Amino acid sequence: GEKLSGPIRDRIDVVQPMLPMTKSYLTEALGRVESTAVVA
């Protein structure tokens, strides 16, 4: 974790942790799919 130094981390605006999805969460998420065009 320290390979990304403090000065570099301090220049990052958004830190987003990601975890593997559970079956129930994935089932719910598949019903809320948005294309690039919609988000853009």
All heavy atoms as atom14 arrays in JSON, in Angstrom:
{
  "sequence": "GEKLSGPIRDRIDVVQPMLPMTKSYLTEALGRVESTAVVA",
  "atom14_mask": [
    [1, 1, 1, 1, 0, 0, 0, 0, 0, 0, 0, 0, 0, 0],
    [1, 1, 1, 1, 1, 1, 1, 1, 1, 0, 0, 0, 0, 0],
    [1, 1, 1, 1, 1, 1, 1, 1, 1, 0, 0, 0, 0, 0],
    [1, 1, 1, 1, 1, 1, 1, 1, 0, 0, 0, 0, 0, 0],
    [1, 1, 1, 1, 1, 1, 0, 0, 0, 0, 0, 0, 0, 0],
    [1, 1, 1, 1, 0, 0, 0, 0, 0, 0, 0, 0, 0, 0],
    [1, 1, 1, 1, 1, 1, 1, 0, 0, 0, 0, 0, 0, 0],
    [1, 1, 1, 1, 1, 1, 1, 1, 0, 0, 0, 0, 0, 0],
    [1, 1, 1, 1, 1, 1, 1, 1, 1, 1, 1, 0, 0, 0],
    [1, 1, 1, 1, 1, 1, 1, 1, 0, 0, 0, 0, 0, 0],
    [1, 1, 1, 1, 1, 1, 1, 1, 1, 1, 1, 0, 0, 0],
    [1, 1, 1, 1, 1, 1, 1, 1, 0, 0, 0, 0, 0, 0],
    [1, 1, 1, 1, 1, 1, 1, 1, 0, 0, 0, 0, 0, 0],
    [1, 1, 1, 1, 1, 1, 1, 0, 0, 0, 0, 0, 0, 0],
    [1, 1, 1, 1, 1, 1, 1, 0, 0, 0, 0, 0, 0, 0],
    [1, 1, 1, 1, 1, 1, 1, 1, 1, 0, 0, 0, 0, 0],
    [1, 1, 1, 1, 1, 1, 1, 0, 0, 0, 0, 0, 0, 0],
    [1, 1, 1, 1, 1, 1, 1, 1, 0, 0, 0, 0, 0, 0],
    [1, 1, 1, 1, 1, 1, 1, 1, 0, 0, 0, 0, 0, 0],
    [1, 1, 1, 1, 1, 1, 1, 0, 0, 0, 0, 0, 0, 0],
    [1, 1, 1, 1, 1, 1, 1, 1, 0, 0, 0, 0, 0, 0],
    [1, 1, 1, 1, 1, 1, 1, 0, 0, 0, 0, 0, 0, 0],
    [1, 1, 1, 1, 1, 1, 1, 1, 1, 0, 0, 0, 0, 0],
    [1, 1, 1, 1, 1, 1, 0, 0, 0, 0, 0, 0, 0, 0],
    [1, 1, 1, 1, 1, 1, 1, 1, 1, 1, 1, 1, 0, 0],
    [1, 1, 1, 1, 1, 1, 1, 1, 0, 0, 0, 0, 0, 0],
    [1, 1, 1, 1, 1, 1, 1, 0, 0, 0, 0, 0, 0, 0],
    [1, 1, 1, 1, 1, 1, 1, 1, 1, 0, 0, 0, 0, 0],
    [1, 1, 1, 1, 1, 0, 0, 0, 0, 0, 0, 0, 0, 0],
    [1, 1, 1, 1, 1, 1, 1, 1, 0, 0, 0, 0, 0, 0],
    [1, 1, 1, 1, 0, 0, 0, 0, 0, 0, 0, 0, 0, 0],
    [1, 1, 1, 1, 1, 1, 1, 1, 1, 1, 1, 0, 0, 0],
    [1, 1, 1, 1, 1, 1, 1, 0, 0, 0, 0, 0, 0, 0],
    [1, 1, 1, 1, 1, 1, 1, 1, 1, 0, 0, 0, 0, 0],
    [1, 1, 1, 1, 1, 1, 0, 0, 0, 0, 0, 0, 0, 0],
    [1, 1, 1, 1, 1, 1, 1, 0, 0, 0, 0, 0, 0, 0],
    [1, 1, 1, 1, 1, 0, 0, 0, 0, 0, 0, 0, 0, 0],
    [1, 1, 1, 1, 1, 1, 1, 0, 0, 0, 0, 0, 0, 0],
    [1, 1, 1, 1, 1, 1, 1, 0, 0, 0, 0, 0, 0, 0],
    [1, 1, 1, 1, 1, 0, 0, 0, 0, 0, 0, 0, 0, 0]
  ],
  "atom14_positions": [
    [[0.8, -1.21, 0.0], [0.0, 0.0, 0.0], [0.83, 1.26, 0.0], [0.43, 2.29, -0.57], [0.0, 0.0, 0.0], [0.0, 0.0, 0.0], [0.0, 0.0, 0.0], [0.0, 0.0, 0.0], [0.0, 0.0, 0.0], [0.0, 0.0, 0.0], [0.0, 0.0, 0.0], [0.0, 0.0, 0.0], [0.0, 0.0, 0.0], [0.0, 0.0, 0.0]],
    [[2.02, 1.21, 0.59], [2.88, 2.38, 0.67], [3.59, 2.68, -0.64], [4.27, 3.71, -0.75], [3.91, 2.19, 1.79], [3.29, 2.25, 3.18], [4.31, 1.95, 4.27], [5.42, 1.46, 3.93], [4.0, 2.18, 5.46], [0.0, 0.0, 0.0], [0.0, 0.0, 0.0], [0.0, 0.0, 0.0], [0.0, 0.0, 0.0], [0.0, 0.0, 0.0]],
    [[3.47, 1.8, -1.62], [4.07, 2.08, -2.93], [3.42, 3.28, -3.59], [4.04, 3.94, -4.44], [3.98, 0.85, -3.83], [4.91, -0.28, -3.41], [4.88, -1.42, -4.41], [5.87, -2.51, -4.02], [5.89, -3.61, -5.01], [0.0, 0.0, 0.0], [0.0, 0.0, 0.0], [0.0, 0.0, 0.0], [0.0, 0.0, 0.0], [0.0, 0.0, 0.0]],
    [[2.18, 3.56, -3.24], [1.54, 4.82, -3.65], [1.8, 5.81, -2.53], [1.18, 5.74, -1.46], [0.04, 4.64, -3.89], [-0.36, 3.79, -5.09], [-1.88, 3.69, -5.16], [0.18, 4.37, -6.36], [0.0, 0.0, 0.0], [0.0, 0.0, 0.0], [0.0, 0.0, 0.0], [0.0, 0.0, 0.0], [0.0, 0.0, 0.0], [0.0, 0.0, 0.0]],
    [[2.72, 6.72, -2.75], [3.17, 7.61, -1.68], [2.07, 8.57, -1.24], [1.07, 8.78, -1.94], [4.39, 8.4, -2.14], [4.02, 9.31, -3.16], [0.0, 0.0, 0.0], [0.0, 0.0, 0.0], [0.0, 0.0, 0.0], [0.0, 0.0, 0.0], [0.0, 0.0, 0.0], [0.0, 0.0, 0.0], [0.0, 0.0, 0.0], [0.0, 0.0, 0.0]],
    [[2.28, 9.17, -0.07], [1.32, 10.14, 0.44], [1.07, 11.31, -0.5], [-0.09, 11.69, -0.73], [0.0, 0.0, 0.0], [0.0, 0.0, 0.0], [0.0, 0.0, 0.0], [0.0, 0.0, 0.0], [0.0, 0.0, 0.0], [0.0, 0.0, 0.0], [0.0, 0.0, 0.0], [0.0, 0.0, 0.0], [0.0, 0.0, 0.0], [0.0, 0.0, 0.0]],
    [[2.13, 11.93, -1.09], [1.88, 13.04, -2.02], [1.05, 12.65, -3.23], [0.26, 13.46, -3.72], [3.3, 13.46, -2.42], [4.16, 13.08, -1.26], [3.56, 11.81, -0.74], [0.0, 0.0, 0.0], [0.0, 0.0, 0.0], [0.0, 0.0, 0.0], [0.0, 0.0, 0.0], [0.0, 0.0, 0.0], [0.0, 0.0, 0.0], [0.0, 0.0, 0.0]],
    [[1.25, 11.43, -3.73], [0.44, 10.98, -4.88], [-1.01, 10.77, -4.44], [-1.96, 11.21, -5.11], [1.02, 9.7, -5.49], [2.35, 9.99, -6.21], [0.03, 9.07, -6.46], [2.2, 10.88, -7.42], [0.0, 0.0, 0.0], [0.0, 0.0, 0.0], [0.0, 0.0, 0.0], [0.0, 0.0, 0.0], [0.0, 0.0, 0.0], [0.0, 0.0, 0.0]],
    [[-1.2, 10.08, -3.31], [-2.57, 9.85, -2.81], [-3.28, 11.18, -2.53], [-4.49, 11.29, -2.73], [-2.53, 8.99, -1.55], [-2.2, 7.52, -1.83], [-2.22, 6.71, -0.54], [-1.98, 5.3, -0.78], [-2.93, 4.4, -1.03], [-4.2, 4.8, -1.08], [-2.64, 3.14, -1.24], [0.0, 0.0, 0.0], [0.0, 0.0, 0.0], [0.0, 0.0, 0.0]],
    [[-2.53, 12.17, -2.05], [-3.16, 13.44, -1.72], [-3.64, 14.18, -2.97], [-4.49, 15.06, -2.88], [-2.16, 14.31, -0.96], [-2.84, 15.44, -0.2], [-3.89, 15.18, 0.43], [-2.35, 16.57, -0.27], [0.0, 0.0, 0.0], [0.0, 0.0, 0.0], [0.0, 0.0, 0.0], [0.0, 0.0, 0.0], [0.0, 0.0, 0.0], [0.0, 0.0, 0.0]],
    [[-3.1, 13.84, -4.12], [-3.51, 14.46, -5.38], [-4.68, 13.73, -6.03], [-5.18, 14.18, -7.07], [-2.32, 14.52, -6.34], [-1.29, 15.59, -5.96], [0.02, 15.38, -6.7], [0.91, 16.53, -6.58], [1.67, 16.8, -5.53], [1.65, 15.96, -4.48], [2.46, 17.86, -5.5], [0.0, 0.0, 0.0], [0.0, 0.0, 0.0], [0.0, 0.0, 0.0]],
    [[-5.09, 12.61, -5.46], [-6.25, 11.86, -5.97], [-7.52, 12.43, -5.35], [-7.61, 12.61, -4.13], [-6.12, 10.36, -5.63], [-4.83, 9.79, -6.22], [-7.32, 9.59, -6.16], [-4.73, 9.89, -7.72], [0.0, 0.0, 0.0], [0.0, 0.0, 0.0], [0.0, 0.0, 0.0], [0.0, 0.0, 0.0], [0.0, 0.0, 0.0], [0.0, 0.0, 0.0]],
    [[-8.51, 12.69, -6.18], [-9.75, 13.3, -5.69], [-10.72, 12.27, -5.12], [-11.36, 12.51, -4.09], [-10.44, 14.07, -6.83], [-9.56, 15.15, -7.41], [-9.4, 16.19, -6.76], [-9.02, 14.95, -8.51], [0.0, 0.0, 0.0], [0.0, 0.0, 0.0], [0.0, 0.0, 0.0], [0.0, 0.0, 0.0], [0.0, 0.0, 0.0], [0.0, 0.0, 0.0]],
    [[-10.87, 11.15, -5.84], [-11.88, 10.14, -5.46], [-11.17, 8.81, -5.26], [-10.45, 8.34, -6.15], [-12.96, 10.0, -6.55], [-13.97, 8.92, -6.15], [-13.66, 11.33, -6.78], [0.0, 0.0, 0.0], [0.0, 0.0, 0.0], [0.0, 0.0, 0.0], [0.0, 0.0, 0.0], [0.0, 0.0, 0.0], [0.0, 0.0, 0.0], [0.0, 0.0, 0.0]],
    [[-11.37, 8.2, -4.09], [-10.87, 6.85, -3.81], [-12.07, 5.93, -3.72], [-12.95, 6.12, -2.87], [-10.05, 6.82, -2.51], [-9.57, 5.39, -2.23], [-8.87, 7.77, -2.59], [0.0, 0.0, 0.0], [0.0, 0.0, 0.0], [0.0, 0.0, 0.0], [0.0, 0.0, 0.0], [0.0, 0.0, 0.0], [0.0, 0.0, 0.0], [0.0, 0.0, 0.0]],
    [[-12.13, 4.95, -4.62], [-13.3, 4.09, -4.7], [-12.92, 2.63, -4.43], [-12.33, 1.97, -5.28], [-13.96, 4.19, -6.07], [-15.15, 3.28, -6.27], [-16.26, 3.54, -5.26], [-16.61, 4.69, -5.03], [-16.81, 2.49, -4.68], [0.0, 0.0, 0.0], [0.0, 0.0, 0.0], [0.0, 0.0, 0.0], [0.0, 0.0, 0.0], [0.0, 0.0, 0.0]],
    [[-13.25, 2.09, -3.24], [-13.02, 0.66, -2.99], [-14.05, -0.19, -3.75], [-15.21, 0.2, -3.88], [-13.18, 0.53, -1.48], [-14.07, 1.67, -1.09], [-13.8, 2.78, -2.07], [0.0, 0.0, 0.0], [0.0, 0.0, 0.0], [0.0, 0.0, 0.0], [0.0, 0.0, 0.0], [0.0, 0.0, 0.0], [0.0, 0.0, 0.0], [0.0, 0.0, 0.0]],
    [[-13.59, -1.34, -4.24], [-14.47, -2.24, -4.97], [-14.31, -3.66, -4.41], [-13.2, -4.08, -4.08], [-14.14, -2.23, -6.47], [-14.36, -0.89, -7.13], [-13.83, -0.87, -8.87], [-14.97, -2.06, -9.6], [0.0, 0.0, 0.0], [0.0, 0.0, 0.0], [0.0, 0.0, 0.0], [0.0, 0.0, 0.0], [0.0, 0.0, 0.0], [0.0, 0.0, 0.0]],
    [[-15.43, -4.36, -4.29], [-15.44, -5.73, -3.77], [-16.2, -6.63, -4.73], [-17.03, -6.15, -5.5], [-16.08, -5.78, -2.38], [-15.32, -5.07, -1.24], [-16.19, -5.03, 0.01], [-14.0, -5.77, -0.98], [0.0, 0.0, 0.0], [0.0, 0.0, 0.0], [0.0, 0.0, 0.0], [0.0, 0.0, 0.0], [0.0, 0.0, 0.0], [0.0, 0.0, 0.0]],
    [[-15.95, -7.94, -4.68], [-16.74, -8.86, -5.51], [-18.21, -8.76, -5.14], [-18.57, -8.56, -3.97], [-16.17, -10.24, -5.16], [-14.8, -9.97, -4.63], [-14.89, -8.64, -3.93], [0.0, 0.0, 0.0], [0.0, 0.0, 0.0], [0.0, 0.0, 0.0], [0.0, 0.0, 0.0], [0.0, 0.0, 0.0], [0.0, 0.0, 0.0], [0.0, 0.0, 0.0]],
    [[-19.07, -8.88, -6.12], [-20.5, -8.73, -5.88], [-21.14, -10.04, -5.47], [-20.8, -11.1, -5.99], [-21.17, -8.21, -7.17], [-20.79, -6.8, -7.53], [-21.4, -6.34, -9.16], [-20.39, -7.41, -10.18], [0.0, 0.0, 0.0], [0.0, 0.0, 0.0], [0.0, 0.0, 0.0], [0.0, 0.0, 0.0], [0.0, 0.0, 0.0], [0.0, 0.0, 0.0]],
    [[-22.05, -9.94, -4.52], [-22.83, -11.12, -4.12], [-23.91, -11.4, -5.16], [-24.25, -10.54, -5.98], [-23.47, -10.89, -2.75], [-24.39, -9.77, -2.86], [-22.42, -10.57, -1.69], [0.0, 0.0, 0.0], [0.0, 0.0, 0.0], [0.0, 0.0, 0.0], [0.0, 0.0, 0.0], [0.0, 0.0, 0.0], [0.0, 0.0, 0.0], [0.0, 0.0, 0.0]],
    [[-24.47, -12.58, -5.11], [-25.48, -12.96, -6.1], [-26.71, -12.06, -6.01], [-27.23, -11.61, -7.03], [-25.88, -14.43, -5.89], [-26.92, -14.92, -6.88], [-27.26, -16.38, -6.65], [-28.31, -16.87, -7.64], [-28.65, -18.3, -7.42], [0.0, 0.0, 0.0], [0.0, 0.0, 0.0], [0.0, 0.0, 0.0], [0.0, 0.0, 0.0], [0.0, 0.0, 0.0]],
    [[-27.16, -11.75, -4.79], [-28.36, -10.92, -4.65], [-28.1, -9.49, -5.14], [-28.96, -8.89, -5.8], [-28.8, -10.89, -3.18], [-27.75, -10.39, -2.36], [0.0, 0.0, 0.0], [0.0, 0.0, 0.0], [0.0, 0.0, 0.0], [0.0, 0.0, 0.0], [0.0, 0.0, 0.0], [0.0, 0.0, 0.0], [0.0, 0.0, 0.0], [0.0, 0.0, 0.0]],
    [[-26.9, -8.97, -4.83], [-26.58, -7.61, -5.27], [-26.47, -7.56, -6.79], [-26.94, -6.61, -7.43], [-25.27, -7.16, -4.63], [-24.89, -5.73, -4.95], [-25.4, -4.67, -4.23], [-24.02, -5.46, -6.0], [-25.06, -3.37, -4.53], [-23.67, -4.15, -6.31], [-24.19, -3.12, -5.57], [-23.85, -1.83, -5.88], [0.0, 0.0, 0.0], [0.0, 0.0, 0.0]],
    [[-25.84, -8.58, -7.39], [-25.69, -8.6, -8.83], [-27.03, -8.71, -9.53], [-27.29, -8.06, -10.54], [-24.78, -9.76, -9.24], [-24.48, -9.92, -10.73], [-23.79, -8.66, -11.26], [-23.6, -11.13, -10.99], [0.0, 0.0, 0.0], [0.0, 0.0, 0.0], [0.0, 0.0, 0.0], [0.0, 0.0, 0.0], [0.0, 0.0, 0.0], [0.0, 0.0, 0.0]],
    [[-27.93, -9.5, -8.95], [-29.27, -9.64, -9.55], [-30.0, -8.3, -9.55], [-30.64, -7.91, -10.53], [-30.08, -10.69, -8.78], [-29.39, -11.94, -8.82], [-31.47, -10.84, -9.38], [0.0, 0.0, 0.0], [0.0, 0.0, 0.0], [0.0, 0.0, 0.0], [0.0, 0.0, 0.0], [0.0, 0.0, 0.0], [0.0, 0.0, 0.0], [0.0, 0.0, 0.0]],
    [[-29.87, -7.56, -8.43], [-30.51, -6.25, -8.36], [-29.85, -5.27, -9.33], [-30.53, -4.48, -10.0], [-30.41, -5.71, -6.93], [-31.0, -4.31, -6.78], [-30.73, -3.73, -5.41], [-30.12, -4.43, -4.58], [-31.13, -2.58, -5.17], [0.0, 0.0, 0.0], [0.0, 0.0, 0.0], [0.0, 0.0, 0.0], [0.0, 0.0, 0.0], [0.0, 0.0, 0.0]],
    [[-28.52, -5.32, -9.42], [-27.79, -4.36, -10.26], [-28.08, -4.57, -11.74], [-28.09, -3.61, -12.52], [-26.29, -4.47, -9.99], [0.0, 0.0, 0.0], [0.0, 0.0, 0.0], [0.0, 0.0, 0.0], [0.0, 0.0, 0.0], [0.0, 0.0, 0.0], [0.0, 0.0, 0.0], [0.0, 0.0, 0.0], [0.0, 0.0, 0.0], [0.0, 0.0, 0.0]],
    [[-28.29, -5.82, -12.14], [-28.55, -6.08, -13.55], [-29.84, -5.43, -14.03], [-30.04, -5.23, -15.24], [-28.59, -7.6, -13.81], [-27.23, -8.31, -13.7], [-27.41, -9.82, -13.89], [-26.26, -7.77, -14.73], [0.0, 0.0, 0.0], [0.0, 0.0, 0.0], [0.0, 0.0, 0.0], [0.0, 0.0, 0.0], [0.0, 0.0, 0.0], [0.0, 0.0, 0.0]],
    [[-30.72, -5.11, -13.13], [-31.95, -4.42, -13.52], [-31.79, -2.92, -13.6], [-32.76, -2.21, -13.91], [0.0, 0.0, 0.0], [0.0, 0.0, 0.0], [0.0, 0.0, 0.0], [0.0, 0.0, 0.0], [0.0, 0.0, 0.0], [0.0, 0.0, 0.0], [0.0, 0.0, 0.0], [0.0, 0.0, 0.0], [0.0, 0.0, 0.0], [0.0, 0.0, 0.0]],
    [[-30.61, -2.4, -13.32], [-30.38, -0.95, -13.33], [-29.2, -0.62, -14.25], [-28.34, 0.19, -13.93], [-30.08, -0.46, -11.91], [-31.2, -0.74, -10.93], [-30.78, -0.45, -9.5], [-30.39, 0.93, -9.3], [-29.91, 1.4, -8.16], [-29.72, 0.58, -7.12], [-29.56, 2.67, -8.05], [0.0, 0.0, 0.0], [0.0, 0.0, 0.0], [0.0, 0.0, 0.0]],
    [[-29.18, -1.22, -15.42], [-28.08, -1.02, -16.36], [-28.3, 0.28, -17.13], [-29.39, 0.55, -17.63], [-27.98, -2.21, -17.34], [-26.93, -1.94, -18.41], [-27.65, -3.49, -16.59], [0.0, 0.0, 0.0], [0.0, 0.0, 0.0], [0.0, 0.0, 0.0], [0.0, 0.0, 0.0], [0.0, 0.0, 0.0], [0.0, 0.0, 0.0], [0.0, 0.0, 0.0]],
    [[-27.25, 1.09, -17.22], [-27.29, 2.34, -17.98], [-26.17, 2.31, -19.01], [-25.04, 1.9, -18.71], [-27.13, 3.55, -17.07], [-28.32, 3.81, -16.19], [-28.13, 5.07, -15.36], [-27.03, 5.25, -14.83], [-29.08, 5.86, -15.25], [0.0, 0.0, 0.0], [0.0, 0.0, 0.0], [0.0, 0.0, 0.0], [0.0, 0.0, 0.0], [0.0, 0.0, 0.0]],
    [[-26.47, 2.78, -20.21], [-25.46, 2.81, -21.27], [-24.56, 4.02, -21.1], [-24.86, 4.96, -20.34], [-26.14, 2.85, -22.64], [-26.81, 4.09, -22.81], [0.0, 0.0, 0.0], [0.0, 0.0, 0.0], [0.0, 0.0, 0.0], [0.0, 0.0, 0.0], [0.0, 0.0, 0.0], [0.0, 0.0, 0.0], [0.0, 0.0, 0.0], [0.0, 0.0, 0.0]],
    [[-23.46, 4.02, -21.84], [-22.55, 5.16, -21.83], [-23.27, 6.43, -22.27], [-23.05, 7.51, -21.7], [-21.35, 4.88, -22.75], [-20.54, 3.86, -22.15], [-20.5, 6.13, -22.95], [0.0, 0.0, 0.0], [0.0, 0.0, 0.0], [0.0, 0.0, 0.0], [0.0, 0.0, 0.0], [0.0, 0.0, 0.0], [0.0, 0.0, 0.0], [0.0, 0.0, 0.0]],
    [[-24.13, 6.32, -23.28], [-24.83, 7.5, -23.8], [-25.7, 8.15, -22.73], [-25.77, 9.39, -22.63], [-25.67, 7.12, -25.0], [0.0, 0.0, 0.0], [0.0, 0.0, 0.0], [0.0, 0.0, 0.0], [0.0, 0.0, 0.0], [0.0, 0.0, 0.0], [0.0, 0.0, 0.0], [0.0, 0.0, 0.0], [0.0, 0.0, 0.0], [0.0, 0.0, 0.0]],
    [[-26.38, 7.35, -21.9], [-27.26, 7.9, -20.86], [-26.44, 8.64, -19.81], [-26.76, 9.77, -19.42], [-28.08, 6.77, -20.21], [-28.85, 7.28, -19.0], [-29.04, 6.16, -21.23], [0.0, 0.0, 0.0], [0.0, 0.0, 0.0], [0.0, 0.0, 0.0], [0.0, 0.0, 0.0], [0.0, 0.0, 0.0], [0.0, 0.0, 0.0], [0.0, 0.0, 0.0]],
    [[-25.35, 8.02, -19.35], [-24.52, 8.64, -18.32], [-23.8, 9.86, -18.89], [-23.67, 10.9, -18.23], [-23.52, 7.62, -17.75], [-22.64, 8.28, -16.68], [-24.26, 6.43, -17.16], [0.0, 0.0, 0.0], [0.0, 0.0, 0.0], [0.0, 0.0, 0.0], [0.0, 0.0, 0.0], [0.0, 0.0, 0.0], [0.0, 0.0, 0.0], [0.0, 0.0, 0.0]],
    [[-23.33, 9.76, -20.14], [-22.62, 10.88, -20.77], [-23.52, 12.1, -20.89], [-23.05, 13.25, -20.8], [-22.09, 10.47, -22.14], [0.0, 0.0, 0.0], [0.0, 0.0, 0.0], [0.0, 0.0, 0.0], [0.0, 0.0, 0.0], [0.0, 0.0, 0.0], [0.0, 0.0, 0.0], [0.0, 0.0, 0.0], [0.0, 0.0, 0.0], [0.0, 0.0, 0.0]]
  ]
}
